[in-house]
């Protein structure tokens, strides 16, 4: 018999073994995640015959959408054991997690899908892109890595460089300290840029299996600082950047946001002067189905528009413009687990 339930502290080792089996992360990262990010109260699993066969981890963060800050659930480590796929088990686990979000008045969730095709089947669509720039030239001199900067300095740069993005995590100093530990748990490779003695850009680099470098988080206050940081990197380094940075690269869909409470999001994001009626279809969360006005109230008035919940989120966050009602925004999220 299949049972869907929250994780417990007693499940920690089994959950860790599933992560090791299904993902290609280093043991040092996995050890860090399960010591710092393991949150059984907001994570769920499917158990059969006393064994966890499917799992999804959740952690509560703050997400800024169109200038408004919302509590949001970051989803990570979504995995099903071999031999249990194709039975709809993961959908049940995610439904339990979304139900917990609704109970806690958390109106949206977000994550970085391993494969977009899998999540499109449950109605999720890209809500932000990332630009991947590859260093084609060697620097003028060999790279000299910098010592880690005080997290308060990094937080200031983070806030200045991400304030214009919709869909970005709002970090506290504690969040910044956690993020630094995440990015350095495999070893510290760090660069900082300073103008007039003031820090205005940073990047973290990790060594890939083939020996090349990958920079998961690179943020700066201007295009000039981004260029200066990247120019110090070895040839062949791949740098993940926000989508609006003026460097060459491959722009890829990179993350999704999920509307857990459609009326809540309508009230917060739509101008209340609008008089439309929007019909929402949600195959995952039945409470989101219906026709709503701009204030999120159910209505029996004739509908004006009709959208799936996943497509709706693309408009709500600003990835796409919604008629003349909600303008397009630049969307980006630096956090991923």
Protein backbone atom coordinates (compact mmCIF):
# COMPACT_ATOMS: atom_id res chain seq x y z
CA UNK A 1 0.00 0.00 0.00
CA UNK A 2 1.29 3.44 -0.96
CA UNK A 3 1.32 6.11 1.76
CA UNK A 4 1.95 9.81 1.15
CA UNK A 5 3.31 11.56 4.23
CA UNK A 6 5.65 14.30 5.49
CA UNK A 7 9.28 13.37 6.06
CA UNK A 8 10.60 13.00 9.59
CA UNK A 9 14.06 13.34 11.10
CA UNK A 10 14.17 9.54 11.18
CA UNK A 11 13.97 9.56 7.35
CA UNK A 12 17.08 11.70 6.94
CA UNK A 13 19.55 8.94 6.08
CA UNK A 14 17.21 7.21 3.64
CA UNK A 15 16.38 10.55 1.99
CA UNK A 16 20.10 11.27 1.68
CA UNK A 17 20.73 7.89 0.02
CA UNK A 18 17.97 8.60 -2.53
CA UNK A 19 19.60 11.95 -3.36
CA UNK A 20 22.97 10.22 -3.86
CA UNK A 21 21.34 7.64 -6.12
CA UNK A 22 19.34 10.01 -8.33
CA UNK A 23 21.55 13.12 -8.62
CA UNK A 24 25.16 13.78 -9.61
CA UNK A 25 26.03 16.14 -6.78
CA UNK A 26 29.25 15.81 -4.81
CA UNK A 27 29.19 14.07 -1.44
CA UNK A 28 30.32 17.33 0.19
CA UNK A 29 27.30 19.17 -1.24
CA UNK A 30 24.92 16.39 -0.19
CA UNK A 31 26.39 16.41 3.32
CA UNK A 32 25.94 20.19 3.44
CA UNK A 33 22.36 20.07 2.15
CA UNK A 34 21.24 17.48 4.69
CA UNK A 35 22.92 19.31 7.55
CA UNK A 36 21.72 22.82 6.59
CA UNK A 37 18.65 22.50 4.34
CA UNK A 38 16.88 19.30 5.38
CA UNK A 39 13.38 20.44 6.40
CA UNK A 40 11.09 17.49 7.12
CA UNK A 41 8.12 19.70 8.07
CA UNK A 42 7.90 21.00 4.50
CA UNK A 43 9.06 17.90 2.61
CA UNK A 44 7.01 14.89 1.56
CA UNK A 45 7.48 11.33 0.40
CA UNK A 46 5.67 8.25 -0.85
CA UNK A 47 6.31 5.09 1.15
CA UNK A 48 5.55 1.54 0.05
CA UNK A 49 6.27 -1.59 2.05
CA UNK A 50 8.29 0.45 4.55
CA UNK A 51 10.52 2.01 1.88
CA UNK A 52 10.56 5.59 0.59
CA UNK A 53 10.06 5.35 -3.17
CA UNK A 54 9.47 9.00 -4.11
CA UNK A 55 10.43 12.27 -2.45
CA UNK A 56 10.29 16.07 -2.76
CA UNK A 57 12.11 18.52 -0.49
CA UNK A 58 10.66 21.92 0.32
CA UNK A 59 12.14 24.98 2.01
CA UNK A 60 10.42 28.29 2.72
CA UNK A 61 12.00 31.42 1.25
CA UNK A 62 10.89 34.90 0.19
CA UNK A 63 10.38 35.65 -3.51
CA UNK A 64 9.93 39.07 -5.08
CA UNK A 65 7.39 39.19 -7.92
CA UNK A 66 6.83 42.54 -9.66
CA UNK A 67 8.16 44.35 -6.60
CA UNK A 68 5.95 42.50 -4.10
CA UNK A 69 7.52 40.04 -1.68
CA UNK A 70 5.76 36.70 -1.13
CA UNK A 71 6.49 33.67 1.01
CA UNK A 72 7.42 30.92 -1.44
CA UNK A 73 8.35 27.26 -1.30
CA UNK A 74 11.60 26.29 -2.99
CA UNK A 75 11.32 22.69 -4.21
CA UNK A 76 14.44 20.54 -4.64
CA UNK A 77 15.57 16.94 -4.75
CA UNK A 78 12.44 15.70 -6.54
CA UNK A 79 13.12 12.01 -7.20
CA UNK A 80 11.45 8.66 -7.71
CA UNK A 81 13.28 5.36 -7.38
CA UNK A 82 13.86 3.21 -10.47
CA UNK A 83 10.98 0.79 -10.98
CA UNK A 84 8.41 3.17 -9.49
CA UNK A 85 8.21 5.71 -12.33
CA UNK A 86 5.14 6.03 -14.51
CA UNK A 87 2.63 5.38 -11.73
CA UNK A 88 1.84 9.00 -10.93
CA UNK A 89 3.51 8.71 -7.52
CA UNK A 90 5.51 11.92 -7.83
CA UNK A 91 2.37 13.86 -8.71
CA UNK A 92 0.82 12.67 -5.43
CA UNK A 93 3.92 13.73 -3.48
CA UNK A 94 3.90 17.17 -5.09
CA UNK A 95 0.18 17.54 -4.41
CA UNK A 96 0.86 16.90 -0.71
CA UNK A 97 3.59 19.54 -0.75
CA UNK A 98 1.35 22.09 -2.51
CA UNK A 99 -1.46 21.33 -0.06
CA UNK A 100 0.94 22.13 2.77
CA UNK A 101 1.80 25.41 1.04
CA UNK A 102 -1.91 26.27 0.85
CA UNK A 103 -2.35 25.43 4.53
CA UNK A 104 0.53 27.74 5.43
CA UNK A 105 -0.73 30.59 3.18
CA UNK A 106 2.29 30.24 0.90
CA UNK A 107 0.90 31.31 -2.51
CA UNK A 108 3.61 30.03 -4.84
CA UNK A 109 6.45 27.56 -5.26
CA UNK A 110 9.51 27.55 -7.49
CA UNK A 111 12.28 25.22 -8.60
CA UNK A 112 14.89 24.44 -11.24
CA UNK A 113 13.63 21.43 -13.22
CA UNK A 114 16.13 18.75 -14.18
CA UNK A 115 14.09 18.15 -17.36
CA UNK A 116 11.44 20.64 -18.51
CA UNK A 117 9.63 17.95 -20.49
CA UNK A 118 8.82 16.05 -17.29
CA UNK A 119 7.32 19.06 -15.54
CA UNK A 120 5.46 20.33 -18.60
CA UNK A 121 3.38 17.16 -18.26
CA UNK A 122 2.08 18.48 -14.92
CA UNK A 123 1.42 21.95 -16.33
CA UNK A 124 4.62 23.85 -15.48
CA UNK A 125 6.27 26.28 -17.90
CA UNK A 126 9.48 28.38 -17.83
CA UNK A 127 9.29 31.59 -15.79
CA UNK A 128 12.88 32.79 -16.07
CA UNK A 129 15.90 32.33 -18.32
CA UNK A 130 19.63 32.22 -17.66
CA UNK A 131 22.44 33.26 -19.99
CA UNK A 132 25.40 30.88 -20.25
CA UNK A 133 28.58 32.58 -21.38
CA UNK A 134 31.69 30.57 -22.27
CA UNK A 135 35.12 32.16 -22.02
CA UNK A 136 36.65 31.77 -25.47
CA UNK A 137 39.86 33.65 -24.73
CA UNK A 138 42.55 33.15 -22.12
CA UNK A 139 43.06 35.97 -19.60
CA UNK A 140 46.16 38.18 -19.81
CA UNK A 141 47.57 36.40 -16.75
CA UNK A 142 46.72 33.26 -14.78
CA UNK A 143 43.75 33.67 -12.46
CA UNK A 144 44.47 34.68 -8.90
CA UNK A 145 41.49 33.79 -6.74
CA UNK A 146 40.40 36.23 -4.07
CA UNK A 147 39.69 35.60 -0.42
CA UNK A 148 36.01 35.42 0.48
CA UNK A 149 34.43 38.78 1.16
CA UNK A 150 32.33 39.48 4.26
CA UNK A 151 28.78 38.15 3.64
CA UNK A 152 27.40 41.61 4.43
CA UNK A 153 29.31 42.99 1.43
CA UNK A 154 28.06 40.14 -0.74
CA UNK A 155 24.49 40.76 0.41
CA UNK A 156 24.75 44.43 -0.53
CA UNK A 157 25.95 43.48 -4.03
CA UNK A 158 23.24 40.84 -4.29
CA UNK A 159 20.51 43.32 -3.39
CA UNK A 160 21.80 46.00 -5.78
CA UNK A 161 22.25 43.59 -8.69
CA UNK A 162 18.95 41.69 -8.35
CA UNK A 163 16.52 44.44 -7.31
CA UNK A 164 15.31 44.83 -10.91
CA UNK A 165 14.42 41.16 -11.37
CA UNK A 166 11.03 39.57 -10.88
CA UNK A 167 11.17 36.06 -9.42
CA UNK A 168 14.35 36.56 -7.38
CA UNK A 169 14.84 35.34 -3.83
CA UNK A 170 14.91 38.09 -1.19
CA UNK A 171 17.87 37.17 1.03
CA UNK A 172 18.56 38.00 4.63
CA UNK A 173 22.12 38.04 5.96
CA UNK A 174 21.51 34.52 7.24
CA UNK A 175 20.34 33.45 3.78
CA UNK A 176 23.47 34.95 2.24
CA UNK A 177 25.69 33.10 4.71
CA UNK A 178 23.88 29.84 3.87
CA UNK A 179 24.26 30.46 0.16
CA UNK A 180 28.01 31.07 0.53
CA UNK A 181 28.35 27.76 2.40
CA UNK A 182 26.44 26.04 -0.40
CA UNK A 183 28.64 27.53 -3.11
CA UNK A 184 31.90 26.79 -1.28
CA UNK A 185 31.23 23.34 0.21
CA UNK A 186 33.31 21.77 -2.61
CA UNK A 187 36.15 24.23 -2.12
CA UNK A 188 36.43 28.00 -2.38
CA UNK A 189 37.02 29.62 -5.77
CA UNK A 190 35.92 33.21 -5.55
CA UNK A 191 36.47 36.49 -7.36
CA UNK A 192 35.41 39.97 -6.29
CA UNK A 193 35.50 43.22 -8.27
CA UNK A 194 36.06 46.58 -6.61
CA UNK A 195 35.69 50.10 -7.96
CA UNK A 196 37.34 52.79 -5.88
CA UNK A 197 37.80 50.26 -3.09
CA UNK A 198 34.08 49.39 -2.97
CA UNK A 199 32.97 45.83 -3.82
CA UNK A 200 30.52 45.85 -6.73
CA UNK A 201 30.59 42.34 -8.19
CA UNK A 202 31.41 38.74 -7.30
CA UNK A 203 31.42 35.21 -8.63
CA UNK A 204 31.80 31.69 -7.29
CA UNK A 205 33.39 28.96 -9.43
CA UNK A 206 33.44 25.18 -9.06
CA UNK A 207 35.47 22.50 -10.84
CA UNK A 208 33.48 20.19 -13.13
CA UNK A 209 34.26 16.51 -13.71
CA UNK A 210 36.27 17.37 -16.85
CA UNK A 211 38.39 19.90 -14.96
CA UNK A 212 36.70 22.98 -16.43
CA UNK A 213 35.15 25.69 -14.27
CA UNK A 214 31.46 26.53 -13.89
CA UNK A 215 30.29 29.72 -12.18
CA UNK A 216 26.84 29.10 -10.69
CA UNK A 217 26.41 32.55 -9.15
CA UNK A 218 27.85 35.67 -10.74
CA UNK A 219 26.31 39.03 -9.85
CA UNK A 220 27.43 42.63 -10.37
CA UNK A 221 25.98 46.12 -10.35
CA UNK A 222 26.72 46.92 -14.04
CA UNK A 223 27.56 45.35 -17.38
CA UNK A 224 31.06 46.79 -17.13
CA UNK A 225 31.67 44.97 -13.85
CA UNK A 226 30.29 41.72 -15.26
CA UNK A 227 32.72 42.00 -18.17
CA UNK A 228 35.63 42.76 -15.88
CA UNK A 229 34.89 39.77 -13.65
CA UNK A 230 34.49 37.34 -16.55
CA UNK A 231 37.70 38.56 -18.22
CA UNK A 232 39.72 37.19 -15.29
CA UNK A 233 38.48 33.62 -15.78
CA UNK A 234 40.39 30.81 -17.55
CA UNK A 235 39.55 29.90 -21.12
CA UNK A 236 36.66 27.42 -21.33
CA UNK A 237 34.94 28.56 -18.12
CA UNK A 238 31.13 28.61 -18.32
CA UNK A 239 29.39 31.39 -16.42
CA UNK A 240 25.68 31.45 -15.54
CA UNK A 241 24.38 35.02 -15.78
CA UNK A 242 21.08 36.92 -15.57
CA UNK A 243 19.36 37.03 -18.97
CA UNK A 244 19.81 40.77 -19.59
CA UNK A 245 23.60 40.94 -19.27
CA UNK A 246 25.41 42.30 -22.33
CA UNK A 247 27.67 39.31 -23.00
CA UNK A 248 27.50 36.65 -25.69
CA UNK A 249 26.09 33.29 -24.71
CA UNK A 250 23.34 30.71 -24.86
CA UNK A 251 20.02 31.87 -23.39
CA UNK A 252 18.15 28.94 -21.85
CA UNK A 253 14.85 28.51 -19.97
CA UNK A 254 16.04 27.75 -16.45
CA UNK A 255 13.36 27.81 -13.78
CA UNK A 256 9.64 27.62 -13.08
CA UNK A 257 7.21 29.21 -10.65
CA UNK A 258 3.98 27.52 -9.63
CA UNK A 259 0.82 29.38 -8.54
CA UNK A 260 -0.37 27.56 -5.43
CA UNK A 261 -3.08 30.09 -4.52
CA UNK A 262 -4.44 31.87 -7.60
CA UNK A 263 -6.89 34.23 -5.79
CA UNK A 264 -4.10 35.33 -3.40
CA UNK A 265 -1.82 36.16 -6.35
CA UNK A 266 -4.59 37.96 -8.25
CA UNK A 267 -5.27 40.24 -5.28
CA UNK A 268 -1.57 41.05 -4.90
CA UNK A 269 -0.53 41.46 -8.54
CA UNK A 270 -3.44 42.61 -10.70
CA UNK A 271 -4.48 46.29 -10.72
CA UNK A 272 -7.81 46.31 -8.92
CA UNK A 273 -9.20 48.79 -11.46
CA UNK A 274 -9.29 46.04 -14.10
CA UNK A 275 -12.67 44.48 -14.90
CA UNK A 276 -11.76 41.20 -16.59
CA UNK A 277 -12.88 37.67 -15.64
CA UNK A 278 -10.23 34.99 -16.09
CA UNK A 279 -10.92 31.27 -16.15
CA UNK A 280 -8.11 29.15 -14.69
CA UNK A 281 -7.55 25.44 -15.33
CA UNK A 282 -5.28 23.56 -12.92
CA UNK A 283 -4.88 19.79 -13.23
CA UNK A 284 -2.74 19.62 -10.09
CA UNK A 285 -4.52 21.87 -7.57
CA UNK A 286 -8.33 21.76 -7.83
CA UNK A 287 -8.81 24.80 -5.58
CA UNK A 288 -7.32 26.98 -8.34
CA UNK A 289 -9.98 26.04 -10.88
CA UNK A 290 -12.69 28.57 -11.64
CA UNK A 291 -13.45 32.01 -13.02
CA UNK A 292 -11.98 34.91 -11.03
CA UNK A 293 -12.09 38.70 -11.23
CA UNK A 294 -8.99 40.88 -10.78
CA UNK A 295 -9.46 40.81 -6.99
CA UNK A 296 -9.38 37.00 -6.97
CA UNK A 297 -13.08 36.67 -6.25
CA UNK A 298 -15.00 33.79 -7.88
CA UNK A 299 -17.54 35.09 -10.34
CA UNK A 300 -20.32 33.78 -12.53
CA UNK A 301 -19.97 36.66 -14.97
CA UNK A 302 -19.01 35.77 -18.56
CA UNK A 303 -15.28 35.09 -18.79
CA UNK A 304 -12.87 37.37 -20.66
CA UNK A 305 -9.80 35.11 -20.82
CA UNK A 306 -8.96 31.45 -20.21
CA UNK A 307 -5.55 30.10 -19.17
CA UNK A 308 -3.93 27.06 -17.59
CA UNK A 309 -2.33 27.74 -14.19
CA UNK A 310 1.15 27.18 -15.61
CA UNK A 311 0.66 29.67 -18.46
CA UNK A 312 -0.97 32.10 -16.03
CA UNK A 313 2.18 32.12 -13.87
CA UNK A 314 4.26 33.21 -16.87
CA UNK A 315 2.09 36.33 -17.06
CA UNK A 316 1.86 36.93 -13.31
CA UNK A 317 5.63 36.91 -12.79
CA UNK A 318 6.32 39.00 -15.89
CA UNK A 319 8.05 36.41 -18.05
CA UNK A 320 5.41 37.31 -20.65
CA UNK A 321 3.23 40.47 -20.84
CA UNK A 322 -0.49 40.02 -20.14
CA UNK A 323 -2.43 42.12 -22.66
CA UNK A 324 -2.00 45.78 -21.61
CA UNK A 325 -2.69 44.86 -17.96
CA UNK A 326 0.63 43.46 -16.74
CA UNK A 327 3.83 44.53 -18.53
CA UNK A 328 6.73 42.20 -19.23
CA UNK A 329 9.48 42.10 -16.60
CA UNK A 330 13.03 40.74 -16.59
CA UNK A 331 12.78 37.53 -14.57
CA UNK A 332 15.69 35.78 -12.88
CA UNK A 333 16.45 33.68 -9.81
CA UNK A 334 20.04 33.04 -8.72
CA UNK A 335 19.12 30.31 -6.24
CA UNK A 336 18.89 26.66 -7.31
CA UNK A 337 19.21 23.39 -5.43
